[in-house]
Amino acid sequence: MTNCSDDSIMKIIKYPIITDKATRLLANNQYSFVVSPKSDKPTIKAAIEYLFNVKVIKINTSHLPKKQKRVGKYIGWKSHYKKAIVTLAEGDTINLFAEEN
C-alpha cells in the first residue's frame, strides 16, 4: 500500500460504527469501522495508519449477514457488510466526535 491515494483509501474505510458496544470498546482503545468486503487485514491496517497517523496493533474482522427488516407491511433487507475492530497502540487515539466551540 505504498502507492496509495486518498480515493483508494476512502474505498477501503467507509465509515466508523458508533453503537453502544462500539463506544464501550473505546475504553480499550478499540475502534470499529465498516470496510470494503474485499479488503484484507494488511490493507485495512495500512489505510488506518495512513488516514489517522496512528500505530495499529491488531485487527479483527467479521462479515455480518444481511438481515430482514420490516417497516409496517413492507419487508426489506439490510445489506451485509464487513466490520473491522482496530486496536491501537497505547497513547494513540482517533477523534471520532468533532468538538464544537
PDB file of N, CA and C in Angstrom:
ATOM      1  N   MET A   1       0.839  -1.187   0.000  1.00  0.00           N
ATOM      2  CA  MET A   1       0.000   0.000   0.000  1.00  0.00           C
ATOM      3  C   MET A   1       0.879   1.243   0.000  1.00  0.00           C
ATOM      4  N   THR A   2       2.052   1.161  -0.596  1.00  0.00           N
ATOM      5  CA  THR A   2       2.956   2.292  -0.630  1.00  0.00           C
ATOM      6  C   THR A   2       2.467   3.371  -1.588  1.00  0.00           C
ATOM      7  N   ASN A   3       1.886   2.999  -2.708  1.00  0.00           N
ATOM      8  CA  ASN A   3       1.373   3.966  -3.666  1.00  0.00           C
ATOM      9  C   ASN A   3      -0.129   4.133  -3.470  1.00  0.00           C
ATOM     10  N   CYS A   4      -0.534   4.592  -2.309  1.00  0.00           N
ATOM     11  CA  CYS A   4      -1.952   4.712  -2.012  1.00  0.00           C
ATOM     12  C   CYS A   4      -2.402   6.149  -2.224  1.00  0.00           C
ATOM     13  N   SER A   5      -3.574   6.279  -2.790  1.00  0.00           N
ATOM     14  CA  SER A   5      -4.166   7.596  -2.950  1.00  0.00           C
ATOM     15  C   SER A   5      -5.326   7.720  -1.963  1.00  0.00           C
ATOM     16  N   ASP A   6      -5.741   8.950  -1.732  1.00  0.00           N
ATOM     17  CA  ASP A   6      -6.837   9.173  -0.800  1.00  0.00           C
ATOM     18  C   ASP A   6      -8.124   8.534  -1.301  1.00  0.00           C
ATOM     19  N   ASP A   7      -8.306   8.485  -2.628  1.00  0.00           N
ATOM     20  CA  ASP A   7      -9.511   7.906  -3.203  1.00  0.00           C
ATOM     21  C   ASP A   7      -9.583   6.404  -2.942  1.00  0.00           C
ATOM     22  N   SER A   8      -8.449   5.699  -3.091  1.00  0.00           N
ATOM     23  CA  SER A   8      -8.458   4.255  -2.855  1.00  0.00           C
ATOM     24  C   SER A   8      -8.623   3.933  -1.371  1.00  0.00           C
ATOM     25  N   ILE A   9      -8.108   4.786  -0.503  1.00  0.00           N
ATOM     26  CA  ILE A   9      -8.265   4.569   0.936  1.00  0.00           C
ATOM     27  C   ILE A   9      -9.715   4.793   1.354  1.00  0.00           C
ATOM     28  N   MET A  10     -10.362   5.763   0.754  1.00  0.00           N
ATOM     29  CA  MET A  10     -11.757   6.022   1.099  1.00  0.00           C
ATOM     30  C   MET A  10     -12.663   4.888   0.635  1.00  0.00           C
ATOM     31  N   LYS A  11     -12.213   4.103  -0.343  1.00  0.00           N
ATOM     32  CA  LYS A  11     -12.988   2.935  -0.761  1.00  0.00           C
ATOM     33  C   LYS A  11     -12.779   1.767   0.197  1.00  0.00           C
ATOM     34  N   ILE A  12     -11.658   1.748   0.925  1.00  0.00           N
ATOM     35  CA  ILE A  12     -11.385   0.674   1.881  1.00  0.00           C
ATOM     36  C   ILE A  12     -12.113   0.949   3.194  1.00  0.00           C
ATOM     37  N   ILE A  13     -11.895   2.124   3.774  1.00  0.00           N
ATOM     38  CA  ILE A  13     -12.532   2.512   5.032  1.00  0.00           C
ATOM     39  C   ILE A  13     -13.755   3.348   4.689  1.00  0.00           C
ATOM     40  N   LYS A  14     -14.949   2.815   4.970  1.00  0.00           N
ATOM     41  CA  LYS A  14     -16.163   3.522   4.574  1.00  0.00           C
ATOM     42  C   LYS A  14     -16.602   4.535   5.634  1.00  0.00           C
ATOM     43  N   TYR A  15     -16.848   4.078   6.867  1.00  0.00           N
ATOM     44  CA  TYR A  15     -17.248   4.983   7.940  1.00  0.00           C
ATOM     45  C   TYR A  15     -17.106   4.273   9.284  1.00  0.00           C
ATOM     46  N   PRO A  16     -17.002   5.036  10.377  1.00  0.00           N
ATOM     47  CA  PRO A  16     -16.915   4.403  11.705  1.00  0.00           C
ATOM     48  C   PRO A  16     -18.289   3.925  12.170  1.00  0.00           C
ATOM     49  N   ILE A  17     -18.274   2.921  13.013  1.00  0.00           N
ATOM     50  CA  ILE A  17     -19.508   2.407  13.611  1.00  0.00           C
ATOM     51  C   ILE A  17     -19.628   3.020  15.001  1.00  0.00           C
ATOM     52  N   ILE A  18     -20.756   3.677  15.257  1.00  0.00           N
ATOM     53  CA  ILE A  18     -20.975   4.307  16.558  1.00  0.00           C
ATOM     54  C   ILE A  18     -22.240   3.696  17.153  1.00  0.00           C
ATOM     55  N   THR A  19     -22.057   2.644  17.927  1.00  0.00           N
ATOM     56  CA  THR A  19     -23.149   1.974  18.632  1.00  0.00           C
ATOM     57  C   THR A  19     -22.770   1.889  20.099  1.00  0.00           C
ATOM     58  N   ASP A  20     -23.652   1.315  20.901  1.00  0.00           N
ATOM     59  CA  ASP A  20     -23.353   1.163  22.329  1.00  0.00           C
ATOM     60  C   ASP A  20     -22.116   0.312  22.545  1.00  0.00           C
ATOM     61  N   LYS A  21     -22.042  -0.812  21.857  1.00  0.00           N
ATOM     62  CA  LYS A  21     -20.892  -1.695  22.016  1.00  0.00           C
ATOM     63  C   LYS A  21     -19.614  -1.021  21.525  1.00  0.00           C
ATOM     64  N   ALA A  22     -19.691  -0.297  20.411  1.00  0.00           N
ATOM     65  CA  ALA A  22     -18.502   0.367  19.863  1.00  0.00           C
ATOM     66  C   ALA A  22     -17.998   1.455  20.810  1.00  0.00           C
ATOM     67  N   THR A  23     -18.896   2.163  21.475  1.00  0.00           N
ATOM     68  CA  THR A  23     -18.452   3.189  22.416  1.00  0.00           C
ATOM     69  C   THR A  23     -17.870   2.562  23.687  1.00  0.00           C
ATOM     70  N   ARG A  24     -18.324   1.375  24.072  1.00  0.00           N
ATOM     71  CA  ARG A  24     -17.704   0.670  25.200  1.00  0.00           C
ATOM     72  C   ARG A  24     -16.293   0.203  24.846  1.00  0.00           C
ATOM     73  N   LEU A  25     -16.076  -0.166  23.592  1.00  0.00           N
ATOM     74  CA  LEU A  25     -14.754  -0.609  23.155  1.00  0.00           C
ATOM     75  C   LEU A  25     -13.741   0.532  23.126  1.00  0.00           C
ATOM     76  N   LEU A  26     -14.210   1.779  23.073  1.00  0.00           N
ATOM     77  CA  LEU A  26     -13.297   2.922  23.069  1.00  0.00           C
ATOM     78  C   LEU A  26     -12.464   2.970  24.346  1.00  0.00           C
ATOM     79  N   ALA A  27     -12.990   2.434  25.433  1.00  0.00           N
ATOM     80  CA  ALA A  27     -12.231   2.399  26.692  1.00  0.00           C
ATOM     81  C   ALA A  27     -11.004   1.499  26.570  1.00  0.00           C
ATOM     82  N   ASN A  28     -11.063   0.492  25.706  1.00  0.00           N
ATOM     83  CA  ASN A  28      -9.940  -0.424  25.476  1.00  0.00           C
ATOM     84  C   ASN A  28      -9.080   0.016  24.296  1.00  0.00           C
ATOM     85  N   ASN A  29      -9.306   1.239  23.800  1.00  0.00           N
ATOM     86  CA  ASN A  29      -8.569   1.782  22.659  1.00  0.00           C
ATOM     87  C   ASN A  29      -8.827   0.960  21.398  1.00  0.00           C
ATOM     88  N   GLN A  30     -10.095   0.513  21.225  1.00  0.00           N
ATOM     89  CA  GLN A  30     -10.513  -0.232  20.049  1.00  0.00           C
ATOM     90  C   GLN A  30     -11.580   0.563  19.315  1.00  0.00           C
ATOM     91  N   TYR A  31     -11.441   0.641  17.991  1.00  0.00           N
ATOM     92  CA  TYR A  31     -12.348   1.421  17.151  1.00  0.00           C
ATOM     93  C   TYR A  31     -12.951   0.513  16.092  1.00  0.00           C
ATOM     94  N   SER A  32     -14.239   0.706  15.788  1.00  0.00           N
ATOM     95  CA  SER A  32     -14.949  -0.126  14.819  1.00  0.00           C
ATOM     96  C   SER A  32     -15.213   0.672  13.546  1.00  0.00           C
ATOM     97  N   PHE A  33     -14.980   0.034  12.404  1.00  0.00           N
ATOM     98  CA  PHE A  33     -15.192   0.659  11.109  1.00  0.00           C
ATOM     99  C   PHE A  33     -15.893  -0.317  10.171  1.00  0.00           C
ATOM    100  N   VAL A  34     -16.718   0.210   9.275  1.00  0.00           N
ATOM    101  CA  VAL A  34     -17.244  -0.566   8.165  1.00  0.00           C
ATOM    102  C   VAL A  34     -16.229  -0.445   7.047  1.00  0.00           C
ATOM    103  N   VAL A  35     -15.803  -1.590   6.520  1.00  0.00           N
ATOM    104  CA  VAL A  35     -14.763  -1.606   5.489  1.00  0.00           C
ATOM    105  C   VAL A  35     -15.293  -2.320   4.247  1.00  0.00           C
ATOM    106  N   SER A  36     -14.539  -2.213   3.172  1.00  0.00           N
ATOM    107  CA  SER A  36     -14.885  -2.879   1.930  1.00  0.00           C
ATOM    108  C   SER A  36     -14.862  -4.393   2.130  1.00  0.00           C
ATOM    109  N   PRO A  37     -15.840  -5.122   1.599  1.00  0.00           N
ATOM    110  CA  PRO A  37     -15.875  -6.576   1.800  1.00  0.00           C
ATOM    111  C   PRO A  37     -14.674  -7.305   1.204  1.00  0.00           C
ATOM    112  N   LYS A  38     -14.006  -6.726   0.234  1.00  0.00           N
ATOM    113  CA  LYS A  38     -12.877  -7.392  -0.410  1.00  0.00           C
ATOM    114  C   LYS A  38     -11.532  -7.024   0.216  1.00  0.00           C
ATOM    115  N   SER A  39     -11.515  -6.126   1.176  1.00  0.00           N
ATOM    116  CA  SER A  39     -10.246  -5.702   1.773  1.00  0.00           C
ATOM    117  C   SER A  39      -9.752  -6.735   2.777  1.00  0.00           C
ATOM    118  N   ASP A  40      -8.424  -6.830   2.909  1.00  0.00           N
ATOM    119  CA  ASP A  40      -7.825  -7.760   3.854  1.00  0.00           C
ATOM    120  C   ASP A  40      -7.189  -6.978   5.007  1.00  0.00           C
ATOM    121  N   LYS A  41      -6.702  -7.704   6.027  1.00  0.00           N
ATOM    122  CA  LYS A  41      -6.195  -7.057   7.237  1.00  0.00           C
ATOM    123  C   LYS A  41      -4.981  -6.154   6.988  1.00  0.00           C
ATOM    124  N   PRO A  42      -3.976  -6.571   6.200  1.00  0.00           N
ATOM    125  CA  PRO A  42      -2.844  -5.654   5.960  1.00  0.00           C
ATOM    126  C   PRO A  42      -3.257  -4.364   5.245  1.00  0.00           C
ATOM    127  N   THR A  43      -4.214  -4.460   4.335  1.00  0.00           N
ATOM    128  CA  THR A  43      -4.695  -3.267   3.635  1.00  0.00           C
ATOM    129  C   THR A  43      -5.450  -2.345   4.585  1.00  0.00           C
ATOM    130  N   ILE A  44      -6.280  -2.919   5.453  1.00  0.00           N
ATOM    131  CA  ILE A  44      -7.029  -2.121   6.429  1.00  0.00           C
ATOM    132  C   ILE A  44      -6.058  -1.448   7.387  1.00  0.00           C
ATOM    133  N   LYS A  45      -5.050  -2.183   7.844  1.00  0.00           N
ATOM    134  CA  LYS A  45      -4.058  -1.622   8.762  1.00  0.00           C
ATOM    135  C   LYS A  45      -3.325  -0.452   8.126  1.00  0.00           C
ATOM    136  N   ALA A  46      -2.893  -0.603   6.886  1.00  0.00           N
ATOM    137  CA  ALA A  46      -2.177   0.475   6.201  1.00  0.00           C
ATOM    138  C   ALA A  46      -3.067   1.695   5.999  1.00  0.00           C
ATOM    139  N   ALA A  47      -4.342   1.468   5.692  1.00  0.00           N
ATOM    140  CA  ALA A  47      -5.268   2.581   5.475  1.00  0.00           C
ATOM    141  C   ALA A  47      -5.526   3.352   6.760  1.00  0.00           C
ATOM    142  N   ILE A  48      -5.736   2.639   7.885  1.00  0.00           N
ATOM    143  CA  ILE A  48      -5.983   3.299   9.171  1.00  0.00           C
ATOM    144  C   ILE A  48      -4.749   4.084   9.603  1.00  0.00           C
ATOM    145  N   GLU A  49      -3.573   3.480   9.465  1.00  0.00           N
ATOM    146  CA  GLU A  49      -2.346   4.176   9.862  1.00  0.00           C
ATOM    147  C   GLU A  49      -2.095   5.403   8.991  1.00  0.00           C
ATOM    148  N   TYR A  50      -2.433   5.336   7.705  1.00  0.00           N
ATOM    149  CA  TYR A  50      -2.237   6.469   6.803  1.00  0.00           C
ATOM    150  C   TYR A  50      -3.243   7.586   7.084  1.00  0.00           C
ATOM    151  N   LEU A  51      -4.513   7.216   7.283  1.00  0.00           N
ATOM    152  CA  LEU A  51      -5.561   8.226   7.482  1.00  0.00           C
ATOM    153  C   LEU A  51      -5.434   8.959   8.814  1.00  0.00           C
ATOM    154  N   PHE A  52      -5.192   8.226   9.893  1.00  0.00           N
ATOM    155  CA  PHE A  52      -5.267   8.812  11.230  1.00  0.00           C
ATOM    156  C   PHE A  52      -3.911   9.000  11.898  1.00  0.00           C
ATOM    157  N   ASN A  53      -2.822   8.583  11.249  1.00  0.00           N
ATOM    158  CA  ASN A  53      -1.465   8.744  11.768  1.00  0.00           C
ATOM    159  C   ASN A  53      -1.328   8.119  13.160  1.00  0.00           C
ATOM    160  N   VAL A  54      -1.727   6.837  13.254  1.00  0.00           N
ATOM    161  CA  VAL A  54      -1.662   6.082  14.499  1.00  0.00           C
ATOM    162  C   VAL A  54      -0.954   4.753  14.238  1.00  0.00           C
ATOM    163  N   LYS A  55      -0.623   4.024  15.306  1.00  0.00           N
ATOM    164  CA  LYS A  55       0.006   2.713  15.197  1.00  0.00           C
ATOM    165  C   LYS A  55      -1.026   1.647  15.532  1.00  0.00           C
ATOM    166  N   VAL A  56      -1.318   0.755  14.581  1.00  0.00           N
ATOM    167  CA  VAL A  56      -2.304  -0.305  14.760  1.00  0.00           C
ATOM    168  C   VAL A  56      -1.595  -1.558  15.275  1.00  0.00           C
ATOM    169  N   ILE A  57      -2.124  -2.121  16.370  1.00  0.00           N
ATOM    170  CA  ILE A  57      -1.556  -3.336  16.946  1.00  0.00           C
ATOM    171  C   ILE A  57      -2.248  -4.576  16.386  1.00  0.00           C
ATOM    172  N   LYS A  58      -3.584  -4.551  16.352  1.00  0.00           N
ATOM    173  CA  LYS A  58      -4.348  -5.742  15.989  1.00  0.00           C
ATOM    174  C   LYS A  58      -5.622  -5.341  15.271  1.00  0.00           C
ATOM    175  N   ILE A  59      -6.076  -6.225  14.350  1.00  0.00           N
ATOM    176  CA  ILE A  59      -7.328  -6.009  13.635  1.00  0.00           C
ATOM    177  C   ILE A  59      -8.144  -7.294  13.679  1.00  0.00           C
ATOM    178  N   ASN A  60      -9.397  -7.183  14.060  1.00  0.00           N
ATOM    179  CA  ASN A  60     -10.349  -8.287  13.995  1.00  0.00           C
ATOM    180  C   ASN A  60     -11.403  -7.928  12.967  1.00  0.00           C
ATOM    181  N   THR A  61     -11.682  -8.833  12.036  1.00  0.00           N
ATOM    182  CA  THR A  61     -12.688  -8.571  11.011  1.00  0.00           C
ATOM    183  C   THR A  61     -13.787  -9.609  11.081  1.00  0.00           C
ATOM    184  N   SER A  62     -14.970  -9.221  10.625  1.00  0.00           N
ATOM    185  CA  SER A  62     -16.088 -10.161  10.548  1.00  0.00           C
ATOM    186  C   SER A  62     -17.028  -9.718   9.437  1.00  0.00           C
ATOM    187  N   HIS A  63     -17.591 -10.702   8.748  1.00  0.00           N
ATOM    188  CA  HIS A  63     -18.614 -10.461   7.736  1.00  0.00           C
ATOM    189  C   HIS A  63     -19.961 -10.613   8.415  1.00  0.00           C
ATOM    190  N   LEU A  64     -20.731  -9.550   8.451  1.00  0.00           N
ATOM    191  CA  LEU A  64     -22.037  -9.600   9.085  1.00  0.00           C
ATOM    192  C   LEU A  64     -23.086  -9.910   8.016  1.00  0.00           C
ATOM    193  N   PRO A  65     -24.031 -10.807   8.295  1.00  0.00           N
ATOM    194  CA  PRO A  65     -25.002 -11.232   7.284  1.00  0.00           C
ATOM    195  C   PRO A  65     -26.061 -10.167   7.044  1.00  0.00           C
ATOM    196  N   LYS A  66     -26.775 -10.307   5.911  1.00  0.00           N
ATOM    197  CA  LYS A  66     -27.887  -9.397   5.672  1.00  0.00           C
ATOM    198  C   LYS A  66     -29.041  -9.801   6.580  1.00  0.00           C
ATOM    199  N   LYS A  67     -29.831  -8.809   6.991  1.00  0.00           N
ATOM    200  CA  LYS A  67     -30.913  -9.062   7.926  1.00  0.00           C
ATOM    201  C   LYS A  67     -32.226  -8.585   7.335  1.00  0.00           C
ATOM    202  N   GLN A  68     -33.291  -9.290   7.678  1.00  0.00           N
ATOM    203  CA  GLN A  68     -34.609  -8.910   7.210  1.00  0.00           C
ATOM    204  C   GLN A  68     -35.188  -7.852   8.142  1.00  0.00           C
ATOM    205  N   LYS A  69     -35.712  -6.778   7.584  1.00  0.00           N
ATOM    206  CA  LYS A  69     -36.323  -5.704   8.364  1.00  0.00           C
ATOM    207  C   LYS A  69     -37.728  -5.438   7.847  1.00  0.00           C
ATOM    208  N   ARG A  70     -38.595  -5.028   8.736  1.00  0.00           N
ATOM    209  CA  ARG A  70     -39.975  -4.739   8.382  1.00  0.00           C
ATOM    210  C   ARG A  70     -40.299  -3.304   8.782  1.00  0.00           C
ATOM    211  N   VAL A  71     -40.941  -2.585   7.863  1.00  0.00           N
ATOM    212  CA  VAL A  71     -41.479  -1.256   8.147  1.00  0.00           C
ATOM    213  C   VAL A  71     -42.954  -1.318   7.776  1.00  0.00           C
ATOM    214  N   GLY A  72     -43.790  -1.448   8.793  1.00  0.00           N
ATOM    215  CA  GLY A  72     -45.223  -1.612   8.536  1.00  0.00           C
ATOM    216  C   GLY A  72     -45.485  -2.947   7.863  1.00  0.00           C
ATOM    217  N   LYS A  73     -46.146  -2.905   6.717  1.00  0.00           N
ATOM    218  CA  LYS A  73     -46.413  -4.154   5.998  1.00  0.00           C
ATOM    219  C   LYS A  73     -45.333  -4.496   4.983  1.00  0.00           C
ATOM    220  N   TYR A  74     -44.342  -3.628   4.841  1.00  0.00           N
ATOM    221  CA  TYR A  74     -43.290  -3.831   3.847  1.00  0.00           C
ATOM    222  C   TYR A  74     -42.081  -4.534   4.463  1.00  0.00           C
ATOM    223  N   ILE A  75     -41.595  -5.534   3.773  1.00  0.00           N
ATOM    224  CA  ILE A  75     -40.439  -6.293   4.234  1.00  0.00           C
ATOM    225  C   ILE A  75     -39.281  -6.019   3.285  1.00  0.00           C
ATOM    226  N   GLY A  76     -38.132  -5.729   3.861  1.00  0.00           N
ATOM    227  CA  GLY A  76     -36.945  -5.475   3.057  1.00  0.00           C
ATOM    228  C   GLY A  76     -35.735  -6.100   3.723  1.00  0.00           C
ATOM    229  N   TRP A  77     -34.569  -5.815   3.188  1.00  0.00           N
ATOM    230  CA  TRP A  77     -33.330  -6.378   3.700  1.00  0.00           C
ATOM    231  C   TRP A  77     -32.314  -5.292   3.965  1.00  0.00           C
ATOM    232  N   LYS A  78     -31.626  -5.397   5.106  1.00  0.00           N
ATOM    233  CA  LYS A  78     -30.443  -4.578   5.355  1.00  0.00           C
ATOM    234  C   LYS A  78     -29.276  -5.307   4.715  1.00  0.00           C
ATOM    235  N   SER A  79     -28.475  -4.597   3.950  1.00  0.00           N
ATOM    236  CA  SER A  79     -27.396  -5.257   3.237  1.00  0.00           C
ATOM    237  C   SER A  79     -26.318  -5.746   4.194  1.00  0.00           C
ATOM    238  N   HIS A  80     -25.567  -6.738   3.760  1.00  0.00           N
ATOM    239  CA  HIS A  80     -24.492  -7.262   4.581  1.00  0.00           C
ATOM    240  C   HIS A  80     -23.262  -6.377   4.415  1.00  0.00           C
ATOM    241  N   TYR A  81     -22.378  -6.402   5.402  1.00  0.00           N
ATOM    242  CA  TYR A  81     -21.178  -5.583   5.352  1.00  0.00           C
ATOM    243  C   TYR A  81     -20.065  -6.252   6.138  1.00  0.00           C
ATOM    244  N   LYS A  82     -18.858  -5.728   5.991  1.00  0.00           N
ATOM    245  CA  LYS A  82     -17.699  -6.247   6.706  1.00  0.00           C
ATOM    246  C   LYS A  82     -17.294  -5.223   7.754  1.00  0.00           C
ATOM    247  N   LYS A  83     -17.093  -5.707   8.978  1.00  0.00           N
ATOM    248  CA  LYS A  83     -16.734  -4.836  10.090  1.00  0.00           C
ATOM    249  C   LYS A  83     -15.309  -5.147  10.527  1.00  0.00           C
ATOM    250  N   ALA A  84     -14.545  -4.097  10.837  1.00  0.00           N
ATOM    251  CA  ALA A  84     -13.194  -4.257  11.353  1.00  0.00           C
ATOM    252  C   ALA A  84     -13.097  -3.555  12.696  1.00  0.00           C
ATOM    253  N   ILE A  85     -12.614  -4.283  13.710  1.00  0.00           N
ATOM    254  CA  ILE A  85     -12.346  -3.698  15.024  1.00  0.00           C
ATOM    255  C   ILE A  85     -10.841  -3.550  15.133  1.00  0.00           C
ATOM    256  N   VAL A  86     -10.391  -2.300  15.232  1.00  0.00           N
ATOM    257  CA  VAL A  86      -8.974  -1.963  15.187  1.00  0.00           C
ATOM    258  C   VAL A  86      -8.500  -1.617  16.592  1.00  0.00           C
ATOM    259  N   THR A  87      -7.444  -2.289  17.065  1.00  0.00           N
ATOM    260  CA  THR A  87      -6.842  -1.995  18.357  1.00  0.00           C
ATOM    261  C   THR A  87      -5.603  -1.145  18.119  1.00  0.00           C
ATOM    262  N   LEU A  88      -5.545   0.010  18.786  1.00  0.00           N
ATOM    263  CA  LEU A  88      -4.425   0.933  18.601  1.00  0.00           C
ATOM    264  C   LEU A  88      -3.400   0.771  19.715  1.00  0.00           C
ATOM    265  N   ALA A  89      -2.211   1.273  19.450  1.00  0.00           N
ATOM    266  CA  ALA A  89      -1.128   1.237  20.432  1.00  0.00           C
ATOM    267  C   ALA A  89      -1.471   2.160  21.600  1.00  0.00           C
ATOM    268  N   GLU A  90      -0.823   1.908  22.728  1.00  0.00           N
ATOM    269  CA  GLU A  90      -1.025   2.724  23.930  1.00  0.00           C
ATOM    270  C   GLU A  90      -0.656   4.172  23.639  1.00  0.00           C
ATOM    271  N   GLY A  91      -1.551   5.089  23.959  1.00  0.00           N
ATOM    272  CA  GLY A  91      -1.285   6.506  23.748  1.00  0.00           C
ATOM    273  C   GLY A  91      -1.837   7.062  22.452  1.00  0.00           C
ATOM    274  N   ASP A  92      -2.181   6.214  21.482  1.00  0.00           N
ATOM    275  CA  ASP A  92      -2.770   6.679  20.224  1.00  0.00           C
ATOM    276  C   ASP A  92      -4.284   6.705  20.349  1.00  0.00           C
ATOM    277  N   THR A  93      -4.913   7.728  19.779  1.00  0.00           N
ATOM    278  CA  THR A  93      -6.373   7.831  19.777  1.00  0.00           C
ATOM    279  C   THR A  93      -6.825   8.372  18.430  1.00  0.00           C
ATOM    280  N   ILE A  94      -8.096   8.117  18.128  1.00  0.00           N
ATOM    281  CA  ILE A  94      -8.751   8.657  16.944  1.00  0.00           C
ATOM    282  C   ILE A  94      -9.927   9.481  17.446  1.00  0.00           C
ATOM    283  N   ASN A  95     -10.029  10.719  17.019  1.00  0.00           N
ATOM    284  CA  ASN A  95     -11.124  11.588  17.451  1.00  0.00           C
ATOM    285  C   ASN A  95     -12.295  11.385  16.499  1.00  0.00           C
ATOM    286  N   LEU A  96     -13.283  10.581  16.919  1.00  0.00           N
ATOM    287  CA  LEU A  96     -14.463  10.326  16.105  1.00  0.00           C
ATOM    288  C   LEU A  96     -15.532  11.387  16.272  1.00  0.00           C
ATOM    289  N   PHE A  97     -15.519  12.076  17.389  1.00  0.00           N
ATOM    290  CA  PHE A  97     -16.548  13.065  17.692  1.00  0.00           C
ATOM    291  C   PHE A  97     -15.937  14.457  17.589  1.00  0.00           C
ATOM    292  N   ALA A  98     -16.439  15.254  16.667  1.00  0.00           N
ATOM    293  CA  ALA A  98     -15.912  16.603  16.479  1.00  0.00           C
ATOM    294  C   ALA A  98     -16.344  17.478  17.657  1.00  0.00           C
ATOM    295  N   GLU A  99     -15.385  18.229  18.181  1.00  0.00           N
ATOM    296  CA  GLU A  99     -15.690  19.114  19.302  1.00  0.00           C
ATOM    297  C   GLU A  99     -16.023  20.498  18.761  1.00  0.00           C
ATOM    298  N   GLU A 100     -17.174  21.010  19.185  1.00  0.00           N
ATOM    299  CA  GLU A 100     -17.597  22.329  18.746  1.00  0.00           C
ATOM    300  C   GLU A 100     -17.296  23.338  19.844  1.00  0.00           C
ATOM    301  N   ASN A 101     -16.887  24.519  19.447  1.00  0.00           N
ATOM    302  CA  ASN A 101     -16.604  25.585  20.415  1.00  0.00           C
ATOM    303  C   ASN A 101     -17.771  26.470  20.634  1.00  0.00           C
TER     304      ASN A 101
END
